[in-house]
Every structure is written in structure tokens, then in C-alpha cells.
Amino acid sequence: MATTTSITTTYEGQFAGQYISAALLSANTLDKGGVLIKPNVKYKEVVKTLSTDAIVSNASCDFADTSTITLAERILQPEEFQVNLELCKKDFRSDWEAEQMGFSAYDSLPPKFSDFLLAHVAAKVAQKTEQTIWEGINSNSGEFDGLVTLALADSDVIDVSGHAAVDSTNVIAKLGSIVDAIPSTLYGREDMFLYVSQNIARAYVRALGGFASNLGANGTNAQGTQWYNGGELSFDGVKIFVANGLADNTAVATYRDNLFFGTGLLSDHNEVKVIDMSEVDGSQNVRVIMRYTAGVQIGIAGDVVLYHA
């Protein structure tokens, strides 16, 4: 059965030559390097972890072995996903771009629509991947366990107490509680990030604008709520990464190389294929397919601070 296609147009006037769709969430976690990407993982990849206790002791004339070396591992196992759509060319013969399909009975999808559909499918997959990287649940169709799901299930993760919804009146205190929980061995690392949801970032920007906050009437640089123009944010010396896939009132503090995203080929996430079935089974159907693999893993759980309201 073909994918349900609902065409609701007036077919009056002149076609503007442009298709639009609802705005999609930016897949910035991968695009902006928020996690360590490990491509070419066909099945599984073992992420080795090493830890030691105290290794420095008072000097002596003899060799005296000290410390304990602990080797452990995390398994990064991408899962397979797919997109399968099927459209009937007949549905488009009474639409705006019918002539663009060609006049033969063996016609094709309108090229502008086809190009737009391919880009739309790739963008939808990117959005789904962004959300799943952070909040995915393996039991849900089309998802793998995300970083927050993994963190919630790991007792070694540092959980921030006093969870509550974040707004401009409490965001300074809430971000402060997260930074306070970062182990001293990690604070100040160059690749340390405070990953926050969009609503936390917005609350922080508004708080820094002053007025209702405790930062003075005119806020940052005495510019009020017009101080922010989309640049980088930081809190107490820790860089803020706005992870669009994080659910509201959620934040994670750790270093970039402690979060892994695994996949087979990165190009699979951008490759959408269109297959005209007329030469295969004689039908008027066109299939849109996409196949890719994806999965995430946390390296050292004890180096992760989680705020999850």
C-alpha cells in the first residue's frame, strides 16, 4: 500500500515554483561537534576506559609498585534504521506541476517536488536523530537509547538534586548547582561543555538581560534584553552548548570526548534514494528510501553531571 498522499490545493492562479514545509529542529549536536563522532562502525566498537588510584608515593631506593589500574569498556553498537515512502504518480497529474511530469503515460514525479521531498526527508531524519541522541528510548520504534536515557540508568552519573522547571528567575541558581557538581578534576578542561535544552538557554539569555533578574536593571553591557545576538554563551567559565535534542529543563555537563556517536557511513545520513517502480513491476509508484545506522554511548559515567527535572 502506498504512503497516504493528501493533496489539498486550489489549483487556481499561478504556481509560485516553491514548496515549503513546517520548520524542523536543527540537528546541531552533530553539525557543531557536540559529541565525538565515530564513523565506520559496522557492528560494534569497544570503547576502552582506564582508571587508577593514587600513583605518587614517597621515594625509596627500591622499586615498590603502587596503585591499581582498572581497565573497563563500553560498547558502542549502532542500530539500523530506515525510511520507506511510496507515492503514486497518478496523484500528481491534477496538481500544479502536472506538465513538469512529462506528457508520456510513462511520466515521473515533478522535479521540483521530488528535489524538495528528498531534502525534506533528509532534514526530518536529521531532526529525529538529534532528538534520539539525547532523549531516545530503545523500545520506541525508530529510536536507540539516548545519552540522557543512558545517564539515568547509570548510578555512577552525578545527579543534581533540587530538580525543578527552569525560568529566568531561577536559571542562575540552577546552572550554578550543575557547575558546582562538576568534579574538580574536570572543571577548566578545554572541551568541557554544559549541554542545555533550548528553554534553559532562553531563560539564561533573558536573565542576563537584567530587569527582573538580579543582574541590574540594564543587564549585560547595559543593553537590556537586546544584549544577545546569537553568539556563544558560557557560565562560570564553562562553555554552554545548546543541544536542540534535549527535552525542556534538562542539562548535562561533561567533556565532548566522553560522549560518542557511532554510525556506519556518515554519508548514509544524507543519502535519500528515489526508485521509480515502473521499470521494476510496471506500477505507477515511486519509492523513497533511506537506510542508516546510529547509536550513542557514554565513556566514563562518573564524569557526567545530569540535571533532569
C-alpha atoms as a PDB file:
ATOM      1  CA  MET A   1       0.000   0.000   0.000  1.00  0.00           C
ATOM      2  CA  ALA A   2       1.331   3.407  -0.989  1.00  0.00           C
ATOM      3  CA  THR A   3       2.091   6.097   1.584  1.00  0.00           C
ATOM      4  CA  THR A   4      -1.053   8.183   2.121  1.00  0.00           C
ATOM      5  CA  THR A   5      -0.752  11.316  -0.026  1.00  0.00           C
ATOM      6  CA  SER A   6      -3.123  14.185   0.731  1.00  0.00           C
ATOM      7  CA  ILE A   7      -3.061  16.959  -1.892  1.00  0.00           C
ATOM      8  CA  THR A   8      -5.149  19.961  -0.834  1.00  0.00           C
ATOM      9  CA  THR A   9      -4.566  22.764  -3.323  1.00  0.00           C
ATOM     10  CA  THR A  10      -6.872  25.213  -5.086  1.00  0.00           C
ATOM     11  CA  TYR A  11      -5.200  24.718  -8.472  1.00  0.00           C
ATOM     12  CA  GLU A  12      -6.086  28.315  -9.310  1.00  0.00           C
ATOM     13  CA  GLY A  13      -3.830  31.168 -10.327  1.00  0.00           C
ATOM     14  CA  GLN A  14      -0.117  30.660 -10.953  1.00  0.00           C
ATOM     15  CA  PHE A  15       2.236  28.236  -9.224  1.00  0.00           C
ATOM     16  CA  ALA A  16       4.945  30.139  -7.355  1.00  0.00           C
ATOM     17  CA  GLY A  17       7.510  27.450  -8.107  1.00  0.00           C
ATOM     18  CA  GLN A  18       8.346  26.857  -4.448  1.00  0.00           C
ATOM     19  CA  TYR A  19       7.445  24.291  -1.827  1.00  0.00           C
ATOM     20  CA  ILE A  20       7.573  24.926   1.906  1.00  0.00           C
ATOM     21  CA  SER A  21       7.131  22.704   4.958  1.00  0.00           C
ATOM     22  CA  ALA A  22       6.875  23.158   8.702  1.00  0.00           C
ATOM     23  CA  ALA A  23      10.085  24.312  10.382  1.00  0.00           C
ATOM     24  CA  LEU A  24      12.337  21.491  11.510  1.00  0.00           C
ATOM     25  CA  LEU A  25      14.611  21.273  14.520  1.00  0.00           C
ATOM     26  CA  SER A  26      18.265  21.949  13.770  1.00  0.00           C
ATOM     27  CA  ALA A  27      20.468  18.875  14.229  1.00  0.00           C
ATOM     28  CA  ASN A  28      23.217  20.867  15.892  1.00  0.00           C
ATOM     29  CA  THR A  29      24.700  18.205  18.174  1.00  0.00           C
ATOM     30  CA  LEU A  30      26.376  16.525  15.199  1.00  0.00           C
ATOM     31  CA  ASP A  31      26.674  19.587  12.964  1.00  0.00           C
ATOM     32  CA  LYS A  32      28.532  21.608  15.602  1.00  0.00           C
ATOM     33  CA  GLY A  33      30.645  18.804  17.035  1.00  0.00           C
ATOM     34  CA  GLY A  34      28.880  18.436  20.364  1.00  0.00           C
ATOM     35  CA  VAL A  35      29.872  14.766  20.620  1.00  0.00           C
ATOM     36  CA  LEU A  36      32.728  12.625  19.353  1.00  0.00           C
ATOM     37  CA  ILE A  37      31.626  11.053  16.061  1.00  0.00           C
ATOM     38  CA  LYS A  38      32.946   7.561  15.346  1.00  0.00           C
ATOM     39  CA  PRO A  39      32.180   6.531  11.755  1.00  0.00           C
ATOM     40  CA  ASN A  40      32.779   3.181  10.045  1.00  0.00           C
ATOM     41  CA  VAL A  41      31.287   1.122  12.878  1.00  0.00           C
ATOM     42  CA  LYS A  42      29.797  -1.867  11.073  1.00  0.00           C
ATOM     43  CA  TYR A  43      28.546  -3.803  14.092  1.00  0.00           C
ATOM     44  CA  LYS A  44      30.112  -2.933  17.448  1.00  0.00           C
ATOM     45  CA  GLU A  45      33.037  -0.884  18.675  1.00  0.00           C
ATOM     46  CA  VAL A  46      34.614  -1.264  22.090  1.00  0.00           C
ATOM     47  CA  VAL A  47      35.434   1.975  23.892  1.00  0.00           C
ATOM     48  CA  LYS A  48      38.186   1.209  26.415  1.00  0.00           C
ATOM     49  CA  THR A  49      38.299   3.100  29.718  1.00  0.00           C
ATOM     50  CA  LEU A  50      41.231   3.216  32.143  1.00  0.00           C
ATOM     51  CA  SER A  51      41.367   4.434  35.725  1.00  0.00           C
ATOM     52  CA  THR A  52      43.949   4.373  38.510  1.00  0.00           C
ATOM     53  CA  ASP A  53      44.016   5.302  42.159  1.00  0.00           C
ATOM     54  CA  ALA A  54      46.891   7.237  43.772  1.00  0.00           C
ATOM     55  CA  ILE A  55      50.140   6.656  41.853  1.00  0.00           C
ATOM     56  CA  VAL A  56      52.583   9.004  43.618  1.00  0.00           C
ATOM     57  CA  SER A  57      54.406   7.808  46.759  1.00  0.00           C
ATOM     58  CA  ASN A  58      57.449   8.775  48.773  1.00  0.00           C
ATOM     59  CA  ALA A  59      60.744   7.907  47.111  1.00  0.00           C
ATOM     60  CA  SER A  60      62.888   4.964  48.221  1.00  0.00           C
ATOM     61  CA  CYS A  61      65.915   3.048  46.935  1.00  0.00           C
ATOM     62  CA  ASP A  62      63.786   0.108  45.852  1.00  0.00           C
ATOM     63  CA  PHE A  63      61.094  -0.358  43.239  1.00  0.00           C
ATOM     64  CA  ALA A  64      57.792  -0.540  45.056  1.00  0.00           C
ATOM     65  CA  ASP A  65      54.786  -0.947  42.833  1.00  0.00           C
ATOM     66  CA  THR A  66      51.778   1.142  43.786  1.00  0.00           C
ATOM     67  CA  SER A  67      48.266   1.885  42.651  1.00  0.00           C
ATOM     68  CA  THR A  68      45.649  -0.196  40.912  1.00  0.00           C
ATOM     69  CA  ILE A  69      44.968   0.012  37.207  1.00  0.00           C
ATOM     70  CA  THR A  70      41.379  -0.714  36.229  1.00  0.00           C
ATOM     71  CA  LEU A  71      40.505  -1.387  32.598  1.00  0.00           C
ATOM     72  CA  ALA A  72      36.866  -1.437  31.570  1.00  0.00           C
ATOM     73  CA  GLU A  73      34.910  -0.989  28.388  1.00  0.00           C
ATOM     74  CA  ARG A  74      31.776   0.476  26.898  1.00  0.00           C
ATOM     75  CA  ILE A  75      30.124  -0.998  23.826  1.00  0.00           C
ATOM     76  CA  LEU A  76      29.071   1.352  21.038  1.00  0.00           C
ATOM     77  CA  GLN A  77      26.597  -0.533  18.877  1.00  0.00           C
ATOM     78  CA  PRO A  78      24.756   1.477  16.206  1.00  0.00           C
ATOM     79  CA  GLU A  79      21.301   0.233  15.260  1.00  0.00           C
ATOM     80  CA  GLU A  80      19.811   0.104  11.768  1.00  0.00           C
ATOM     81  CA  PHE A  81      17.005   2.448  10.735  1.00  0.00           C
ATOM     82  CA  GLN A  82      15.103   3.091   7.540  1.00  0.00           C
ATOM     83  CA  VAL A  83      12.708   5.435   5.780  1.00  0.00           C
ATOM     84  CA  ASN A  84      10.242   3.880   3.314  1.00  0.00           C
ATOM     85  CA  LEU A  85       7.768   6.069   1.438  1.00  0.00           C
ATOM     86  CA  GLU A  86       5.732   5.204  -1.634  1.00  0.00           C
ATOM     87  CA  LEU A  87       3.933   7.731  -3.814  1.00  0.00           C
ATOM     88  CA  CYS A  88       1.682   7.145  -6.808  1.00  0.00           C
ATOM     89  CA  LYS A  89       2.458   9.413  -9.774  1.00  0.00           C
ATOM     90  CA  LYS A  90      -1.222   9.434 -10.705  1.00  0.00           C
ATOM     91  CA  ASP A  91      -1.974  11.589  -7.645  1.00  0.00           C
ATOM     92  CA  PHE A  92       0.088  14.452  -9.100  1.00  0.00           C
ATOM     93  CA  ARG A  93      -1.443  14.617 -12.574  1.00  0.00           C
ATOM     94  CA  SER A  94      -4.135  17.049 -11.449  1.00  0.00           C
ATOM     95  CA  ASP A  95      -1.758  19.239  -9.481  1.00  0.00           C
ATOM     96  CA  TRP A  96       0.148  22.431 -10.274  1.00  0.00           C
ATOM     97  CA  GLU A  97       3.174  20.761 -11.797  1.00  0.00           C
ATOM     98  CA  ALA A  98       1.425  18.173 -13.978  1.00  0.00           C
ATOM     99  CA  GLU A  99       3.150  19.420 -17.143  1.00  0.00           C
ATOM    100  CA  GLN A 100       6.540  19.048 -15.477  1.00  0.00           C
ATOM    101  CA  MET A 101       5.900  15.321 -15.222  1.00  0.00           C
ATOM    102  CA  GLY A 102       6.065  14.927 -18.984  1.00  0.00           C
ATOM    103  CA  PHE A 103       3.292  14.149 -21.454  1.00  0.00           C
ATOM    104  CA  SER A 104       4.020  10.440 -21.809  1.00  0.00           C
ATOM    105  CA  ALA A 105       1.996   7.875 -19.918  1.00  0.00           C
ATOM    106  CA  TYR A 106       5.390   6.813 -18.527  1.00  0.00           C
ATOM    107  CA  ASP A 107       5.867  10.011 -16.593  1.00  0.00           C
ATOM    108  CA  SER A 108       7.833  10.881 -13.447  1.00  0.00           C
ATOM    109  CA  LEU A 109       7.331  12.941 -10.305  1.00  0.00           C
ATOM    110  CA  PRO A 110       7.513  16.738 -10.779  1.00  0.00           C
ATOM    111  CA  PRO A 111      11.238  17.522 -10.447  1.00  0.00           C
ATOM    112  CA  LYS A 112      10.825  20.472  -8.070  1.00  0.00           C
ATOM    113  CA  PHE A 113       8.617  18.404  -5.806  1.00  0.00           C
ATOM    114  CA  SER A 114      10.984  15.456  -5.994  1.00  0.00           C
ATOM    115  CA  ASP A 115      14.004  17.589  -5.048  1.00  0.00           C
ATOM    116  CA  PHE A 116      12.107  19.206  -2.194  1.00  0.00           C
ATOM    117  CA  LEU A 117      10.890  15.849  -0.922  1.00  0.00           C
ATOM    118  CA  LEU A 118      14.428  14.459  -0.838  1.00  0.00           C
ATOM    119  CA  ALA A 119      15.700  17.445   1.151  1.00  0.00           C
ATOM    120  CA  HIS A 120      12.694  17.274   3.468  1.00  0.00           C
ATOM    121  CA  VAL A 121      13.219  13.575   4.210  1.00  0.00           C
ATOM    122  CA  ALA A 122      16.915  14.132   4.972  1.00  0.00           C
ATOM    123  CA  ALA A 123      16.041  17.038   7.286  1.00  0.00           C
ATOM    124  CA  LYS A 124      13.363  15.008   9.090  1.00  0.00           C
ATOM    125  CA  VAL A 125      15.850  12.193   9.679  1.00  0.00           C
ATOM    126  CA  ALA A 126      18.404  14.712  10.989  1.00  0.00           C
ATOM    127  CA  GLN A 127      15.811  16.105  13.394  1.00  0.00           C
ATOM    128  CA  LYS A 128      14.837  12.644  14.618  1.00  0.00           C
ATOM    129  CA  THR A 129      18.491  11.733  15.097  1.00  0.00           C
ATOM    130  CA  GLU A 130      19.123  14.931  17.081  1.00  0.00           C
ATOM    131  CA  GLN A 131      16.255  14.164  19.438  1.00  0.00           C
ATOM    132  CA  THR A 132      17.179  10.495  19.778  1.00  0.00           C
ATOM    133  CA  ILE A 133      20.856  11.229  20.518  1.00  0.00           C
ATOM    134  CA  TRP A 134      19.723  12.810  23.784  1.00  0.00           C
ATOM    135  CA  GLU A 135      16.287  11.529  24.723  1.00  0.00           C
ATOM    136  CA  GLY A 136      15.819   8.347  22.678  1.00  0.00           C
ATOM    137  CA  ILE A 137      14.360   5.168  24.210  1.00  0.00           C
ATOM    138  CA  ASN A 138      15.307   1.921  22.531  1.00  0.00           C
ATOM    139  CA  SER A 139      11.857   0.376  22.954  1.00  0.00           C
ATOM    140  CA  ASN A 140      10.342   3.160  20.817  1.00  0.00           C
ATOM    141  CA  SER A 141      10.272   2.453  17.101  1.00  0.00           C
ATOM    142  CA  GLY A 142      12.951   4.362  15.209  1.00  0.00           C
ATOM    143  CA  GLU A 143      14.992   5.184  18.334  1.00  0.00           C
ATOM    144  CA  PHE A 144      18.034   3.993  20.236  1.00  0.00           C
ATOM    145  CA  ASP A 145      18.805   4.706  23.896  1.00  0.00           C
ATOM    146  CA  GLY A 146      19.901   8.347  24.072  1.00  0.00           C
ATOM    147  CA  LEU A 147      22.530   9.909  26.294  1.00  0.00           C
ATOM    148  CA  VAL A 148      20.030  11.079  28.919  1.00  0.00           C
ATOM    149  CA  THR A 149      18.414   7.630  28.992  1.00  0.00           C
ATOM    150  CA  LEU A 150      21.831   6.020  29.478  1.00  0.00           C
ATOM    151  CA  ALA A 151      22.753   8.558  32.171  1.00  0.00           C
ATOM    152  CA  LEU A 152      19.529   7.996  34.111  1.00  0.00           C
ATOM    153  CA  ALA A 153      20.209   4.253  34.161  1.00  0.00           C
ATOM    154  CA  ASP A 154      23.809   4.579  35.391  1.00  0.00           C
ATOM    155  CA  SER A 155      24.365   5.012  39.122  1.00  0.00           C
ATOM    156  CA  ASP A 156      27.858   6.431  38.536  1.00  0.00           C
ATOM    157  CA  VAL A 157      26.434   9.560  36.913  1.00  0.00           C
ATOM    158  CA  ILE A 158      26.385  12.592  39.214  1.00  0.00           C
ATOM    159  CA  ASP A 159      22.750  13.541  39.673  1.00  0.00           C
ATOM    160  CA  VAL A 160      21.996  17.147  40.673  1.00  0.00           C
ATOM    161  CA  SER A 161      19.431  17.410  43.438  1.00  0.00           C
ATOM    162  CA  GLY A 162      16.691  20.012  43.645  1.00  0.00           C
ATOM    163  CA  HIS A 163      15.244  19.395  40.208  1.00  0.00           C
ATOM    164  CA  ALA A 164      12.708  21.985  39.097  1.00  0.00           C
ATOM    165  CA  ALA A 165      11.456  23.686  35.955  1.00  0.00           C
ATOM    166  CA  VAL A 166      13.879  26.404  34.870  1.00  0.00           C
ATOM    167  CA  ASP A 167      12.897  30.004  34.109  1.00  0.00           C
ATOM    168  CA  SER A 168      14.625  33.381  34.090  1.00  0.00           C
ATOM    169  CA  THR A 169      14.156  33.805  37.848  1.00  0.00           C
ATOM    170  CA  ASN A 170      15.963  30.615  38.888  1.00  0.00           C
ATOM    171  CA  VAL A 171      18.219  29.773  35.938  1.00  0.00           C
ATOM    172  CA  ILE A 172      21.346  31.312  37.542  1.00  0.00           C
ATOM    173  CA  ALA A 173      20.895  29.180  40.648  1.00  0.00           C
ATOM    174  CA  LYS A 174      20.127  26.030  38.667  1.00  0.00           C
ATOM    175  CA  LEU A 175      23.117  26.396  36.345  1.00  0.00           C
ATOM    176  CA  GLY A 176      25.226  27.145  39.412  1.00  0.00           C
ATOM    177  CA  SER A 177      24.154  23.881  41.037  1.00  0.00           C
ATOM    178  CA  ILE A 178      25.203  21.970  37.928  1.00  0.00           C
ATOM    179  CA  VAL A 179      28.630  23.626  37.718  1.00  0.00           C
ATOM    180  CA  ASP A 180      29.140  23.112  41.452  1.00  0.00           C
ATOM    181  CA  ALA A 181      28.640  19.374  40.907  1.00  0.00           C
ATOM    182  CA  ILE A 182      31.360  19.115  38.241  1.00  0.00           C
ATOM    183  CA  PRO A 183      34.322  17.210  39.725  1.00  0.00           C
ATOM    184  CA  SER A 184      37.348  19.400  40.363  1.00  0.00           C
ATOM    185  CA  THR A 185      39.392  17.137  38.081  1.00  0.00           C
ATOM    186  CA  LEU A 186      37.204  18.197  35.149  1.00  0.00           C
ATOM    187  CA  TYR A 187      36.456  21.851  35.795  1.00  0.00           C
ATOM    188  CA  GLY A 188      38.536  24.001  33.480  1.00  0.00           C
ATOM    189  CA  ARG A 189      39.017  21.391  30.749  1.00  0.00           C
ATOM    190  CA  GLU A 190      39.084  22.977  27.315  1.00  0.00           C
ATOM    191  CA  ASP A 191      36.495  20.556  25.933  1.00  0.00           C
ATOM    192  CA  MET A 192      34.168  20.818  28.943  1.00  0.00           C
ATOM    193  CA  PHE A 193      30.612  21.742  27.989  1.00  0.00           C
ATOM    194  CA  LEU A 194      27.373  22.476  29.749  1.00  0.00           C
ATOM    195  CA  TYR A 195      24.790  20.992  27.369  1.00  0.00           C
ATOM    196  CA  VAL A 196      21.429  22.648  27.936  1.00  0.00           C
ATOM    197  CA  SER A 197      17.947  22.478  26.459  1.00  0.00           C
ATOM    198  CA  GLN A 198      16.525  25.390  24.499  1.00  0.00           C
ATOM    199  CA  ASN A 199      14.279  26.573  27.311  1.00  0.00           C
ATOM    200  CA  ILE A 200      17.231  26.783  29.726  1.00  0.00           C
ATOM    201  CA  ALA A 201      19.269  28.733  27.166  1.00  0.00           C
ATOM    202  CA  ARG A 202      16.404  31.159  26.590  1.00  0.00           C
ATOM    203  CA  ALA A 203      15.916  31.649  30.323  1.00  0.00           C
ATOM    204  CA  TYR A 204      19.636  32.343  30.751  1.00  0.00           C
ATOM    205  CA  VAL A 205      19.676  34.885  27.918  1.00  0.00           C
ATOM    206  CA  ARG A 206      16.668  36.654  29.423  1.00  0.00           C
ATOM    207  CA  ALA A 207      18.183  36.645  32.904  1.00  0.00           C
ATOM    208  CA  LEU A 208      21.364  38.254  31.572  1.00  0.00           C
ATOM    209  CA  GLY A 209      19.197  40.980  30.072  1.00  0.00           C
ATOM    210  CA  GLY A 210      18.548  42.291  33.562  1.00  0.00           C
ATOM    211  CA  PHE A 211      15.311  43.935  34.619  1.00  0.00           C
ATOM    212  CA  ALA A 212      13.559  41.145  36.530  1.00  0.00           C
ATOM    213  CA  SER A 213      16.808  39.337  37.343  1.00  0.00           C
ATOM    214  CA  ASN A 214      19.411  40.196  39.954  1.00  0.00           C
ATOM    215  CA  LEU A 215      21.909  41.481  37.397  1.00  0.00           C
ATOM    216  CA  GLY A 216      20.823  45.084  37.466  1.00  0.00           C
ATOM    217  CA  ALA A 217      18.228  46.991  35.537  1.00  0.00           C
ATOM    218  CA  ASN A 218      20.179  47.147  32.292  1.00  0.00           C
ATOM    219  CA  GLY A 219      21.668  43.659  32.216  1.00  0.00           C
ATOM    220  CA  THR A 220      24.812  42.638  30.325  1.00  0.00           C
ATOM    221  CA  ASN A 221      26.707  45.607  28.882  1.00  0.00           C
ATOM    222  CA  ALA A 222      23.758  47.814  29.911  1.00  0.00           C
ATOM    223  CA  GLN A 223      21.878  46.681  26.788  1.00  0.00           C
ATOM    224  CA  GLY A 224      18.867  45.133  28.463  1.00  0.00           C
ATOM    225  CA  THR A 225      17.153  42.326  26.570  1.00  0.00           C
ATOM    226  CA  GLN A 226      18.858  43.391  23.339  1.00  0.00           C
ATOM    227  CA  TRP A 227      22.299  42.332  24.557  1.00  0.00           C
ATOM    228  CA  TYR A 228      22.246  38.896  22.879  1.00  0.00           C
ATOM    229  CA  ASN A 229      22.784  38.445  19.131  1.00  0.00           C
ATOM    230  CA  GLY A 230      23.179  34.679  18.887  1.00  0.00           C
ATOM    231  CA  GLY A 231      26.814  34.346  19.921  1.00  0.00           C
ATOM    232  CA  GLU A 232      28.445  31.881  22.280  1.00  0.00           C
ATOM    233  CA  LEU A 233      27.329  31.549  25.886  1.00  0.00           C
ATOM    234  CA  SER A 234      29.227  30.462  28.979  1.00  0.00           C
ATOM    235  CA  PHE A 235      28.527  30.110  32.679  1.00  0.00           C
ATOM    236  CA  ASP A 236      31.204  30.339  35.381  1.00  0.00           C
ATOM    237  CA  GLY A 237      33.867  29.643  32.793  1.00  0.00           C
ATOM    238  CA  VAL A 238      32.121  26.599  31.288  1.00  0.00           C
ATOM    239  CA  LYS A 239      31.055  26.821  27.640  1.00  0.00           C
ATOM    240  CA  ILE A 240      27.339  26.340  27.020  1.00  0.00           C
ATOM    241  CA  PHE A 241      26.213  24.092  24.171  1.00  0.00           C
ATOM    242  CA  VAL A 242      22.530  24.461  23.294  1.00  0.00           C
ATOM    243  CA  ALA A 243      21.590  20.885  22.364  1.00  0.00           C
ATOM    244  CA  ASN A 244      18.336  21.121  20.457  1.00  0.00           C
ATOM    245  CA  GLY A 245      17.512  17.478  21.115  1.00  0.00           C
ATOM    246  CA  LEU A 246      17.433  17.862  24.892  1.00  0.00           C
ATOM    247  CA  ALA A 247      13.996  17.941  26.495  1.00  0.00           C
ATOM    248  CA  ASP A 248      12.978  21.042  28.432  1.00  0.00           C
ATOM    249  CA  ASN A 249      14.598  21.549  31.843  1.00  0.00           C
ATOM    250  CA  THR A 250      17.408  19.102  31.101  1.00  0.00           C
ATOM    251  CA  ALA A 251      21.150  19.722  31.183  1.00  0.00           C
ATOM    252  CA  VAL A 252      24.300  17.593  31.011  1.00  0.00           C
ATOM    253  CA  ALA A 253      27.803  18.654  31.999  1.00  0.00           C
ATOM    254  CA  THR A 254      30.770  16.666  30.699  1.00  0.00           C
ATOM    255  CA  TYR A 255      33.576  16.887  28.171  1.00  0.00           C
ATOM    256  CA  ARG A 256      32.992  16.338  24.470  1.00  0.00           C
ATOM    257  CA  ASP A 257      35.217  13.276  24.119  1.00  0.00           C
ATOM    258  CA  ASN A 258      33.172  11.461  26.761  1.00  0.00           C
ATOM    259  CA  LEU A 259      30.091  11.307  24.517  1.00  0.00           C
ATOM    260  CA  PHE A 260      30.213   9.020  21.488  1.00  0.00           C
ATOM    261  CA  PHE A 261      28.029   8.850  18.378  1.00  0.00           C
ATOM    262  CA  GLY A 262      28.586   5.793  16.227  1.00  0.00           C
ATOM    263  CA  THR A 263      27.448   5.111  12.681  1.00  0.00           C
ATOM    264  CA  GLY A 264      28.442   3.182   9.580  1.00  0.00           C
ATOM    265  CA  LEU A 265      28.939   5.802   6.883  1.00  0.00           C
ATOM    266  CA  LEU A 266      28.237   9.445   7.665  1.00  0.00           C
ATOM    267  CA  SER A 267      27.082   9.912   4.081  1.00  0.00           C
ATOM    268  CA  ASP A 268      24.200   7.485   4.723  1.00  0.00           C
ATOM    269  CA  HIS A 269      22.571  10.207   6.861  1.00  0.00           C
ATOM    270  CA  ASN A 270      22.279  12.450   3.797  1.00  0.00           C
ATOM    271  CA  GLU A 271      21.578   9.915   1.059  1.00  0.00           C
ATOM    272  CA  VAL A 272      17.937   9.599   0.069  1.00  0.00           C
ATOM    273  CA  LYS A 273      17.143   7.437  -2.947  1.00  0.00           C
ATOM    274  CA  VAL A 274      14.193   7.681  -5.325  1.00  0.00           C
ATOM    275  CA  ILE A 275      13.243   4.482  -7.127  1.00  0.00           C
ATOM    276  CA  ASP A 276      10.750   4.588  -9.991  1.00  0.00           C
ATOM    277  CA  MET A 277       8.972   1.238  -9.799  1.00  0.00           C
ATOM    278  CA  SER A 278       7.548   1.413 -13.339  1.00  0.00           C
ATOM    279  CA  GLU A 279      10.550  -0.433 -14.741  1.00  0.00           C
ATOM    280  CA  VAL A 280      10.515  -2.978 -11.913  1.00  0.00           C
ATOM    281  CA  ASP A 281       6.887  -4.054 -11.549  1.00  0.00           C
ATOM    282  CA  GLY A 282       5.068  -1.911 -14.121  1.00  0.00           C
ATOM    283  CA  SER A 283       3.316   0.149 -11.445  1.00  0.00           C
ATOM    284  CA  GLN A 284       2.991   3.937 -11.261  1.00  0.00           C
ATOM    285  CA  ASN A 285       4.593   4.052  -7.852  1.00  0.00           C
ATOM    286  CA  VAL A 286       7.737   5.881  -6.793  1.00  0.00           C
ATOM    287  CA  ARG A 287       9.564   4.757  -3.674  1.00  0.00           C
ATOM    288  CA  VAL A 288      11.681   6.985  -1.447  1.00  0.00           C
ATOM    289  CA  ILE A 289      14.124   5.075   0.715  1.00  0.00           C
ATOM    290  CA  MET A 290      16.824   5.826   3.227  1.00  0.00           C
ATOM    291  CA  ARG A 291      18.911   3.476   5.350  1.00  0.00           C
ATOM    292  CA  TYR A 292      21.426   4.370   8.031  1.00  0.00           C
ATOM    293  CA  THR A 293      22.823   3.261  11.392  1.00  0.00           C
ATOM    294  CA  ALA A 294      23.172   5.279  14.588  1.00  0.00           C
ATOM    295  CA  GLY A 295      23.841   4.850  18.282  1.00  0.00           C
ATOM    296  CA  VAL A 296      25.423   6.654  21.248  1.00  0.00           C
ATOM    297  CA  GLN A 297      27.422   5.758  24.333  1.00  0.00           C
ATOM    298  CA  ILE A 298      28.892   7.447  27.403  1.00  0.00           C
ATOM    299  CA  GLY A 299      32.559   6.833  28.107  1.00  0.00           C
ATOM    300  CA  ILE A 300      33.063   7.426  31.848  1.00  0.00           C
ATOM    301  CA  ALA A 301      29.736   7.827  33.640  1.00  0.00           C
ATOM    302  CA  GLY A 302      31.358   9.333  36.724  1.00  0.00           C
ATOM    303  CA  ASP A 303      32.453  12.289  34.598  1.00  0.00           C
ATOM    304  CA  VAL A 304      28.853  13.196  33.737  1.00  0.00           C
ATOM    305  CA  VAL A 305      26.652  15.601  35.685  1.00  0.00           C
ATOM    306  CA  LEU A 306      22.927  15.335  34.942  1.00  0.00           C
ATOM    307  CA  TYR A 307      20.145  17.812  35.668  1.00  0.00           C
ATOM    308  CA  HIS A 308      16.800  16.245  34.788  1.00  0.00           C
ATOM    309  CA  ALA A 309      13.645  17.844  36.116  1.00  0.00           C
END
